[in-house]
PDB file of N, CA and C in Angstrom:
ATOM      1  N   MET A   1       0.840  -1.200   0.000  1.00  0.00           N
ATOM      2  CA  MET A   1       0.000   0.000   0.000  1.00  0.00           C
ATOM      3  C   MET A   1       0.875   1.250   0.000  1.00  0.00           C
ATOM      4  N   GLY A   2       1.849   1.352   0.899  1.00  0.00           N
ATOM      5  CA  GLY A   2       2.729   2.515   0.934  1.00  0.00           C
ATOM      6  C   GLY A   2       2.130   3.689   1.689  1.00  0.00           C
ATOM      7  N   ILE A   3       2.325   4.886   1.132  1.00  0.00           N
ATOM      8  CA  ILE A   3       1.886   6.109   1.791  1.00  0.00           C
ATOM      9  C   ILE A   3       0.373   6.258   1.650  1.00  0.00           C
ATOM     10  N   VAL A   4      -0.260   6.590   2.763  1.00  0.00           N
ATOM     11  CA  VAL A   4      -1.709   6.787   2.798  1.00  0.00           C
ATOM     12  C   VAL A   4      -1.984   8.191   3.318  1.00  0.00           C
ATOM     13  N   LEU A   5      -2.833   8.918   2.599  1.00  0.00           N
ATOM     14  CA  LEU A   5      -3.237  10.261   3.007  1.00  0.00           C
ATOM     15  C   LEU A   5      -4.725  10.242   3.325  1.00  0.00           C
ATOM     16  N   TYR A   6      -5.034  10.440   4.592  1.00  0.00           N
ATOM     17  CA  TYR A   6      -6.434  10.606   4.988  1.00  0.00           C
ATOM     18  C   TYR A   6      -6.799  12.063   4.751  1.00  0.00           C
ATOM     19  N   TYR A   7      -7.896  12.264   4.033  1.00  0.00           N
ATOM     20  CA  TYR A   7      -8.352  13.615   3.715  1.00  0.00           C
ATOM     21  C   TYR A   7      -9.874  13.620   3.728  1.00  0.00           C
ATOM     22  N   THR A   8     -10.465  14.787   3.469  1.00  0.00           N
ATOM     23  CA  THR A   8     -11.919  14.851   3.395  1.00  0.00           C
ATOM     24  C   THR A   8     -12.344  15.688   2.203  1.00  0.00           C
ATOM     25  N   THR A   9     -13.416  15.275   1.562  1.00  0.00           N
ATOM     26  CA  THR A   9     -13.984  16.056   0.467  1.00  0.00           C
ATOM     27  C   THR A   9     -15.091  16.968   0.974  1.00  0.00           C
ATOM     28  N   VAL A  10     -15.450  16.813   2.252  1.00  0.00           N
ATOM     29  CA  VAL A  10     -16.541  17.596   2.821  1.00  0.00           C
ATOM     30  C   VAL A  10     -16.017  18.382   4.024  1.00  0.00           C
ATOM     31  N   THR A  11     -15.725  19.673   3.793  1.00  0.00           N
ATOM     32  CA  THR A  11     -15.301  20.537   4.890  1.00  0.00           C
ATOM     33  C   THR A  11     -15.585  21.982   4.523  1.00  0.00           C
ATOM     34  N   ALA A  12     -15.942  22.762   5.517  1.00  0.00           N
ATOM     35  CA  ALA A  12     -16.137  24.196   5.318  1.00  0.00           C
ATOM     36  C   ALA A  12     -14.860  24.956   5.661  1.00  0.00           C
ATOM     37  N   SER A  13     -13.867  24.226   6.149  1.00  0.00           N
ATOM     38  CA  SER A  13     -12.629  24.852   6.604  1.00  0.00           C
ATOM     39  C   SER A  13     -11.684  25.124   5.441  1.00  0.00           C
ATOM     40  N   ARG A  14     -11.410  26.407   5.196  1.00  0.00           N
ATOM     41  CA  ARG A  14     -10.433  26.758   4.161  1.00  0.00           C
ATOM     42  C   ARG A  14      -9.057  26.231   4.532  1.00  0.00           C
ATOM     43  N   GLU A  15      -8.753  26.249   5.830  1.00  0.00           N
ATOM     44  CA  GLU A  15      -7.442  25.792   6.293  1.00  0.00           C
ATOM     45  C   GLU A  15      -7.230  24.320   5.948  1.00  0.00           C
ATOM     46  N   VAL A  16      -8.239  23.481   6.226  1.00  0.00           N
ATOM     47  CA  VAL A  16      -8.119  22.048   5.926  1.00  0.00           C
ATOM     48  C   VAL A  16      -7.962  21.847   4.420  1.00  0.00           C
ATOM     49  N   LYS A  17      -8.774  22.535   3.618  1.00  0.00           N
ATOM     50  CA  LYS A  17      -8.675  22.408   2.157  1.00  0.00           C
ATOM     51  C   LYS A  17      -7.286  22.805   1.674  1.00  0.00           C
ATOM     52  N   SER A  18      -6.773  23.901   2.189  1.00  0.00           N
ATOM     53  CA  SER A  18      -5.458  24.397   1.797  1.00  0.00           C
ATOM     54  C   SER A  18      -4.356  23.418   2.206  1.00  0.00           C
ATOM     55  N   GLN A  19      -4.439  22.908   3.428  1.00  0.00           N
ATOM     56  CA  GLN A  19      -3.438  21.961   3.912  1.00  0.00           C
ATOM     57  C   GLN A  19      -3.453  20.678   3.089  1.00  0.00           C
ATOM     58  N   GLN A  20      -4.638  20.180   2.778  1.00  0.00           N
ATOM     59  CA  GLN A  20      -4.747  18.956   1.977  1.00  0.00           C
ATOM     60  C   GLN A  20      -4.122  19.160   0.601  1.00  0.00           C
ATOM     61  N   ALA A  21      -4.407  20.295  -0.027  1.00  0.00           N
ATOM     62  CA  ALA A  21      -3.853  20.584  -1.350  1.00  0.00           C
ATOM     63  C   ALA A  21      -2.328  20.692  -1.283  1.00  0.00           C
ATOM     64  N   GLU A  22      -1.815  21.315  -0.235  1.00  0.00           N
ATOM     65  CA  GLU A  22      -0.365  21.473  -0.085  1.00  0.00           C
ATOM     66  C   GLU A  22       0.311  20.122   0.139  1.00  0.00           C
ATOM     67  N   VAL A  23      -0.287  19.253   0.955  1.00  0.00           N
ATOM     68  CA  VAL A  23       0.284  17.924   1.182  1.00  0.00           C
ATOM     69  C   VAL A  23       0.356  17.163  -0.137  1.00  0.00           C
ATOM     70  N   ARG A  24      -0.704  17.207  -0.909  1.00  0.00           N
ATOM     71  CA  ARG A  24      -0.717  16.496  -2.203  1.00  0.00           C
ATOM     72  C   ARG A  24       0.336  17.080  -3.143  1.00  0.00           C
ATOM     73  N   ARG A  25       0.470  18.403  -3.144  1.00  0.00           N
ATOM     74  CA  ARG A  25       1.467  19.051  -4.001  1.00  0.00           C
ATOM     75  C   ARG A  25       2.880  18.608  -3.610  1.00  0.00           C
ATOM     76  N   ILE A  26       3.158  18.564  -2.310  1.00  0.00           N
ATOM     77  CA  ILE A  26       4.478  18.139  -1.830  1.00  0.00           C
ATOM     78  C   ILE A  26       4.762  16.702  -2.262  1.00  0.00           C
ATOM     79  N   LEU A  27       3.808  15.812  -2.024  1.00  0.00           N
ATOM     80  CA  LEU A  27       4.009  14.400  -2.393  1.00  0.00           C
ATOM     81  C   LEU A  27       4.235  14.254  -3.897  1.00  0.00           C
ATOM     82  N   GLU A  28       3.422  14.948  -4.677  1.00  0.00           N
ATOM     83  CA  GLU A  28       3.535  14.837  -6.134  1.00  0.00           C
ATOM     84  C   GLU A  28       4.834  15.456  -6.632  1.00  0.00           C
ATOM     85  N   SER A  29       5.287  16.549  -6.020  1.00  0.00           N
ATOM     86  CA  SER A  29       6.533  17.191  -6.453  1.00  0.00           C
ATOM     87  C   SER A  29       7.735  16.290  -6.194  1.00  0.00           C
ATOM     88  N   LYS A  30       7.607  15.395  -5.230  1.00  0.00           N
ATOM     89  CA  LYS A  30       8.684  14.460  -4.904  1.00  0.00           C
ATOM     90  C   LYS A  30       8.443  13.084  -5.534  1.00  0.00           C
ATOM     91  N   SER A  31       7.435  13.004  -6.402  1.00  0.00           N
ATOM     92  CA  SER A  31       7.086  11.750  -7.100  1.00  0.00           C
ATOM     93  C   SER A  31       6.833  10.601  -6.124  1.00  0.00           C
ATOM     94  N   ILE A  32       6.196  10.924  -5.004  1.00  0.00           N
ATOM     95  CA  ILE A  32       5.850   9.912  -4.004  1.00  0.00           C
ATOM     96  C   ILE A  32       4.425   9.459  -4.272  1.00  0.00           C
ATOM     97  N   LYS A  33       4.276   8.187  -4.578  1.00  0.00           N
ATOM     98  CA  LYS A  33       2.936   7.634  -4.814  1.00  0.00           C
ATOM     99  C   LYS A  33       2.218   7.491  -3.476  1.00  0.00           C
ATOM    100  N   TYR A  34       0.906   7.762  -3.495  1.00  0.00           N
ATOM    101  CA  TYR A  34       0.131   7.686  -2.263  1.00  0.00           C
ATOM    102  C   TYR A  34      -1.298   7.289  -2.572  1.00  0.00           C
ATOM    103  N   GLU A  35      -1.932   6.759  -1.544  1.00  0.00           N
ATOM    104  CA  GLU A  35      -3.340   6.368  -1.637  1.00  0.00           C
ATOM    105  C   GLU A  35      -4.159   7.377  -0.845  1.00  0.00           C
ATOM    106  N   LEU A  36      -5.284   7.795  -1.418  1.00  0.00           N
ATOM    107  CA  LEU A  36      -6.183   8.720  -0.734  1.00  0.00           C
ATOM    108  C   LEU A  36      -7.297   7.943  -0.041  1.00  0.00           C
ATOM    109  N   ILE A  37      -7.575   8.295   1.203  1.00  0.00           N
ATOM    110  CA  ILE A  37      -8.720   7.731   1.905  1.00  0.00           C
ATOM    111  C   ILE A  37      -9.565   8.895   2.398  1.00  0.00           C
ATOM    112  N   ASP A  38     -10.794   8.958   1.901  1.00  0.00           N
ATOM    113  CA  ASP A  38     -11.712  10.055   2.214  1.00  0.00           C
ATOM    114  C   ASP A  38     -12.503   9.724   3.473  1.00  0.00           C
ATOM    115  N   ILE A  39     -12.274  10.490   4.545  1.00  0.00           N
ATOM    116  CA  ILE A  39     -12.970  10.200   5.801  1.00  0.00           C
ATOM    117  C   ILE A  39     -14.425  10.631   5.774  1.00  0.00           C
ATOM    118  N   SER A  40     -14.831  11.401   4.761  1.00  0.00           N
ATOM    119  CA  SER A  40     -16.224  11.853   4.713  1.00  0.00           C
ATOM    120  C   SER A  40     -17.188  10.756   4.282  1.00  0.00           C
ATOM    121  N   VAL A  41     -16.654   9.587   3.885  1.00  0.00           N
ATOM    122  CA  VAL A  41     -17.537   8.494   3.476  1.00  0.00           C
ATOM    123  C   VAL A  41     -18.239   7.851   4.667  1.00  0.00           C
ATOM    124  N   GLY A  42     -17.717   8.066   5.869  1.00  0.00           N
ATOM    125  CA  GLY A  42     -18.383   7.504   7.041  1.00  0.00           C
ATOM    126  C   GLY A  42     -17.563   7.686   8.303  1.00  0.00           C
ATOM    127  N   GLY A  43     -18.274   7.728   9.414  1.00  0.00           N
ATOM    128  CA  GLY A  43     -17.636   7.930  10.702  1.00  0.00           C
ATOM    129  C   GLY A  43     -16.627   6.864  11.064  1.00  0.00           C
ATOM    130  N   GLU A  44     -16.839   5.634  10.560  1.00  0.00           N
ATOM    131  CA  GLU A  44     -15.910   4.561  10.911  1.00  0.00           C
ATOM    132  C   GLU A  44     -14.530   4.807  10.295  1.00  0.00           C
ATOM    133  N   VAL A  45     -14.487   5.427   9.119  1.00  0.00           N
ATOM    134  CA  VAL A  45     -13.202   5.739   8.488  1.00  0.00           C
ATOM    135  C   VAL A  45     -12.494   6.846   9.268  1.00  0.00           C
ATOM    136  N   ARG A  46     -13.239   7.867   9.680  1.00  0.00           N
ATOM    137  CA  ARG A  46     -12.672   8.943  10.504  1.00  0.00           C
ATOM    138  C   ARG A  46     -12.150   8.378  11.822  1.00  0.00           C
ATOM    139  N   ASP A  47     -12.938   7.500  12.436  1.00  0.00           N
ATOM    140  CA  ASP A  47     -12.524   6.905  13.709  1.00  0.00           C
ATOM    141  C   ASP A  47     -11.265   6.054  13.540  1.00  0.00           C
ATOM    142  N   GLU A  48     -11.172   5.340  12.415  1.00  0.00           N
ATOM    143  CA  GLU A  48      -9.982   4.538  12.130  1.00  0.00           C
ATOM    144  C   GLU A  48      -8.747   5.439  12.019  1.00  0.00           C
ATOM    145  N   MET A  49      -8.884   6.566  11.304  1.00  0.00           N
ATOM    146  CA  MET A  49      -7.778   7.509  11.161  1.00  0.00           C
ATOM    147  C   MET A  49      -7.335   8.008  12.533  1.00  0.00           C
ATOM    148  N   ARG A  50      -8.285   8.396  13.350  1.00  0.00           N
ATOM    149  CA  ARG A  50      -7.967   8.923  14.684  1.00  0.00           C
ATOM    150  C   ARG A  50      -7.333   7.865  15.577  1.00  0.00           C
ATOM    151  N   ARG A  51      -7.828   6.646  15.500  1.00  0.00           N
ATOM    152  CA  ARG A  51      -7.268   5.559  16.310  1.00  0.00           C
ATOM    153  C   ARG A  51      -5.827   5.297  15.889  1.00  0.00           C
ATOM    154  N   LYS A  52      -5.602   5.199  14.569  1.00  0.00           N
ATOM    155  CA  LYS A  52      -4.257   4.925  14.069  1.00  0.00           C
ATOM    156  C   LYS A  52      -3.299   6.075  14.379  1.00  0.00           C
ATOM    157  N   ALA A  53      -3.813   7.308  14.399  1.00  0.00           N
ATOM    158  CA  ALA A  53      -2.975   8.473  14.710  1.00  0.00           C
ATOM    159  C   ALA A  53      -2.736   8.604  16.214  1.00  0.00           C
ATOM    160  N   GLY A  54      -3.536   7.899  17.010  1.00  0.00           N
ATOM    161  CA  GLY A  54      -3.398   7.996  18.453  1.00  0.00           C
ATOM    162  C   GLY A  54      -3.905   9.320  18.998  1.00  0.00           C
ATOM    163  N   ASN A  55      -4.839   9.948  18.259  1.00  0.00           N
ATOM    164  CA  ASN A  55      -5.366  11.259  18.656  1.00  0.00           C
ATOM    165  C   ASN A  55      -6.858  11.297  18.374  1.00  0.00           C
ATOM    166  N   PRO A  56      -7.694  11.283  19.430  1.00  0.00           N
ATOM    167  CA  PRO A  56      -9.148  11.266  19.218  1.00  0.00           C
ATOM    168  C   PRO A  56      -9.695  12.528  18.562  1.00  0.00           C
ATOM    169  N   GLY A  57      -8.887  13.586  18.488  1.00  0.00           N
ATOM    170  CA  GLY A  57      -9.349  14.822  17.860  1.00  0.00           C
ATOM    171  C   GLY A  57      -8.670  15.122  16.543  1.00  0.00           C
ATOM    172  N   ALA A  58      -7.938  14.152  15.990  1.00  0.00           N
ATOM    173  CA  ALA A  58      -7.185  14.379  14.746  1.00  0.00           C
ATOM    174  C   ALA A  58      -8.117  14.749  13.601  1.00  0.00           C
ATOM    175  N   VAL A  59      -7.680  15.729  12.819  1.00  0.00           N
ATOM    176  CA  VAL A  59      -8.413  16.138  11.618  1.00  0.00           C
ATOM    177  C   VAL A  59      -7.488  15.986  10.417  1.00  0.00           C
ATOM    178  N   PRO A  60      -8.068  15.782   9.246  1.00  0.00           N
ATOM    179  CA  PRO A  60      -7.235  15.627   8.059  1.00  0.00           C
ATOM    180  C   PRO A  60      -6.527  16.947   7.711  1.00  0.00           C
ATOM    181  N   PRO A  61      -5.437  16.873   6.994  1.00  0.00           N
ATOM    182  CA  PRO A  61      -4.798  15.679   6.443  1.00  0.00           C
ATOM    183  C   PRO A  61      -3.904  14.971   7.464  1.00  0.00           C
ATOM    184  N   GLN A  62      -3.895  13.643   7.398  1.00  0.00           N
ATOM    185  CA  GLN A  62      -3.034  12.809   8.238  1.00  0.00           C
ATOM    186  C   GLN A  62      -2.312  11.826   7.324  1.00  0.00           C
ATOM    187  N   LEU A  63      -1.032  11.631   7.571  1.00  0.00           N
ATOM    188  CA  LEU A  63      -0.207  10.766   6.720  1.00  0.00           C
ATOM    189  C   LEU A  63       0.261   9.525   7.460  1.00  0.00           C
ATOM    190  N   PHE A  64       0.248   8.412   6.730  1.00  0.00           N
ATOM    191  CA  PHE A  64       0.689   7.122   7.260  1.00  0.00           C
ATOM    192  C   PHE A  64       1.558   6.434   6.213  1.00  0.00           C
ATOM    193  N   ASN A  65       2.446   5.568   6.683  1.00  0.00           N
ATOM    194  CA  ASN A  65       3.153   4.638   5.810  1.00  0.00           C
ATOM    195  C   ASN A  65       2.638   3.278   6.232  1.00  0.00           C
ATOM    196  N   GLU A  66       1.820   2.673   5.352  1.00  0.00           N
ATOM    197  CA  GLU A  66       1.048   1.484   5.735  1.00  0.00           C
ATOM    198  C   GLU A  66       0.207   1.874   6.955  1.00  0.00           C
ATOM    199  N   ASP A  67       0.417   1.185   8.093  1.00  0.00           N
ATOM    200  CA  ASP A  67      -0.326   1.531   9.313  1.00  0.00           C
ATOM    201  C   ASP A  67       0.512   2.349  10.288  1.00  0.00           C
ATOM    202  N   GLN A  68       1.739   2.707   9.891  1.00  0.00           N
ATOM    203  CA  GLN A  68       2.600   3.501  10.765  1.00  0.00           C
ATOM    204  C   GLN A  68       2.257   4.967  10.614  1.00  0.00           C
ATOM    205  N   TYR A  69       1.965   5.625  11.738  1.00  0.00           N
ATOM    206  CA  TYR A  69       1.630   7.045  11.703  1.00  0.00           C
ATOM    207  C   TYR A  69       2.868   7.873  11.410  1.00  0.00           C
ATOM    208  N   CYS A  70       2.767   8.762  10.427  1.00  0.00           N
ATOM    209  CA  CYS A  70       3.878   9.671  10.100  1.00  0.00           C
ATOM    210  C   CYS A  70       3.630  11.045  10.704  1.00  0.00           C
ATOM    211  N   GLY A  71       2.427  11.592  10.497  1.00  0.00           N
ATOM    212  CA  GLY A  71       2.142  12.898  11.066  1.00  0.00           C
ATOM    213  C   GLY A  71       1.096  13.659  10.285  1.00  0.00           C
ATOM    214  N   ASN A  72       0.971  14.947  10.657  1.00  0.00           N
ATOM    215  CA  ASN A  72      -0.041  15.810  10.047  1.00  0.00           C
ATOM    216  C   ASN A  72       0.646  16.855   9.158  1.00  0.00           C
ATOM    217  N   TYR A  73      -0.130  17.833   8.736  1.00  0.00           N
ATOM    218  CA  TYR A  73       0.383  18.865   7.829  1.00  0.00           C
ATOM    219  C   TYR A  73       1.558  19.632   8.429  1.00  0.00           C
ATOM    220  N   GLU A  74       1.421  20.074   9.678  1.00  0.00           N
ATOM    221  CA  GLU A  74       2.487  20.857  10.303  1.00  0.00           C
ATOM    222  C   GLU A  74       3.781  20.055  10.383  1.00  0.00           C
ATOM    223  N   MET A  75       3.659  18.785  10.733  1.00  0.00           N
ATOM    224  CA  MET A  75       4.840  17.938  10.846  1.00  0.00           C
ATOM    225  C   MET A  75       5.496  17.715   9.479  1.00  0.00           C
ATOM    226  N   LEU A  76       4.683  17.548   8.435  1.00  0.00           N
ATOM    227  CA  LEU A  76       5.222  17.402   7.082  1.00  0.00           C
ATOM    228  C   LEU A  76       5.923  18.693   6.662  1.00  0.00           C
ATOM    229  N   SER A  77       5.341  19.838   6.966  1.00  0.00           N
ATOM    230  CA  SER A  77       5.955  21.126   6.617  1.00  0.00           C
ATOM    231  C   SER A  77       7.324  21.265   7.259  1.00  0.00           C
ATOM    232  N   GLU A  78       7.432  20.844   8.518  1.00  0.00           N
ATOM    233  CA  GLU A  78       8.725  20.886   9.202  1.00  0.00           C
ATOM    234  C   GLU A  78       9.730  19.964   8.514  1.00  0.00           C
ATOM    235  N   ALA A  79       9.273  18.799   8.078  1.00  0.00           N
ATOM    236  CA  ALA A  79      10.152  17.854   7.386  1.00  0.00           C
ATOM    237  C   ALA A  79      10.625  18.428   6.051  1.00  0.00           C
ATOM    238  N   VAL A  80       9.741  19.156   5.353  1.00  0.00           N
ATOM    239  CA  VAL A  80      10.123  19.789   4.091  1.00  0.00           C
ATOM    240  C   VAL A  80      11.219  20.822   4.364  1.00  0.00           C
ATOM    241  N   GLU A  81      11.028  21.646   5.392  1.00  0.00           N
ATOM    242  CA  GLU A  81      12.019  22.667   5.754  1.00  0.00           C
ATOM    243  C   GLU A  81      13.361  22.037   6.090  1.00  0.00           C
ATOM    244  N   ALA A  82      13.332  20.884   6.748  1.00  0.00           N
ATOM    245  CA  ALA A  82      14.559  20.198   7.171  1.00  0.00           C
ATOM    246  C   ALA A  82      15.099  19.265   6.085  1.00  0.00           C
ATOM    247  N   ASP A  83      14.425  19.228   4.923  1.00  0.00           N
ATOM    248  CA  ASP A  83      14.801  18.337   3.829  1.00  0.00           C
ATOM    249  C   ASP A  83      14.867  16.874   4.296  1.00  0.00           C
ATOM    250  N   SER A  84      13.854  16.486   5.078  1.00  0.00           N
ATOM    251  CA  SER A  84      13.839  15.117   5.619  1.00  0.00           C
ATOM    252  C   SER A  84      12.490  14.431   5.387  1.00  0.00           C
ATOM    253  N   VAL A  85      11.889  14.700   4.235  1.00  0.00           N
ATOM    254  CA  VAL A  85      10.573  14.140   3.924  1.00  0.00           C
ATOM    255  C   VAL A  85      10.620  12.618   3.860  1.00  0.00           C
ATOM    256  N   ASP A  86      11.656  12.062   3.252  1.00  0.00           N
ATOM    257  CA  ASP A  86      11.752  10.598   3.157  1.00  0.00           C
ATOM    258  C   ASP A  86      11.797   9.959   4.542  1.00  0.00           C
ATOM    259  N   GLN A  87      12.558  10.555   5.456  1.00  0.00           N
ATOM    260  CA  GLN A  87      12.626  10.018   6.819  1.00  0.00           C
ATOM    261  C   GLN A  87      11.273  10.185   7.522  1.00  0.00           C
ATOM    262  N   PHE A  88      10.646  11.358   7.328  1.00  0.00           N
ATOM    263  CA  PHE A  88       9.337  11.632   7.931  1.00  0.00           C
ATOM    264  C   PHE A  88       8.313  10.596   7.499  1.00  0.00           C
ATOM    265  N   LEU A  89       8.337  10.236   6.215  1.00  0.00           N
ATOM    266  CA  LEU A  89       7.379   9.273   5.678  1.00  0.00           C
ATOM    267  C   LEU A  89       7.835   7.824   5.851  1.00  0.00           C
ATOM    268  N   LYS A  90       8.965   7.654   6.556  1.00  0.00           N
ATOM    269  CA  LYS A  90       9.518   6.325   6.843  1.00  0.00           C
ATOM    270  C   LYS A  90       9.840   5.578   5.550  1.00  0.00           C
ATOM    271  N   LEU A  91      10.365   6.319   4.571  1.00  0.00           N
ATOM    272  CA  LEU A  91      10.762   5.748   3.287  1.00  0.00           C
ATOM    273  C   LEU A  91      12.266   5.463   3.255  1.00  0.00           C
ATOM    274  N   ALA A  92      13.004   6.106   4.158  1.00  0.00           N
ATOM    275  CA  ALA A  92      14.466   5.955   4.153  1.00  0.00           C
ATOM    276  C   ALA A  92      14.914   5.158   5.359  1.00  0.00           C
TER     277      ALA A  92
END
């Protein structure tokens, strides 16, 4: 499966929409293949994302490598700044 991005197609939050678009842009710019999982399809998918992230209040976007939690948008942004995206995504 590889990298998994939990996101939502249903949100009124400009911040969430912007963060999701930026995460996808970063992954695509680095030619990192990823699978999208839309949490808006049902509460059980959202609950699964939160359980796997270890945070009952987690909101998308959330990144995983298989079932290993990598982090959220802020954490990915820090990894981009540090030029350590591969390590962040547990690819290296």
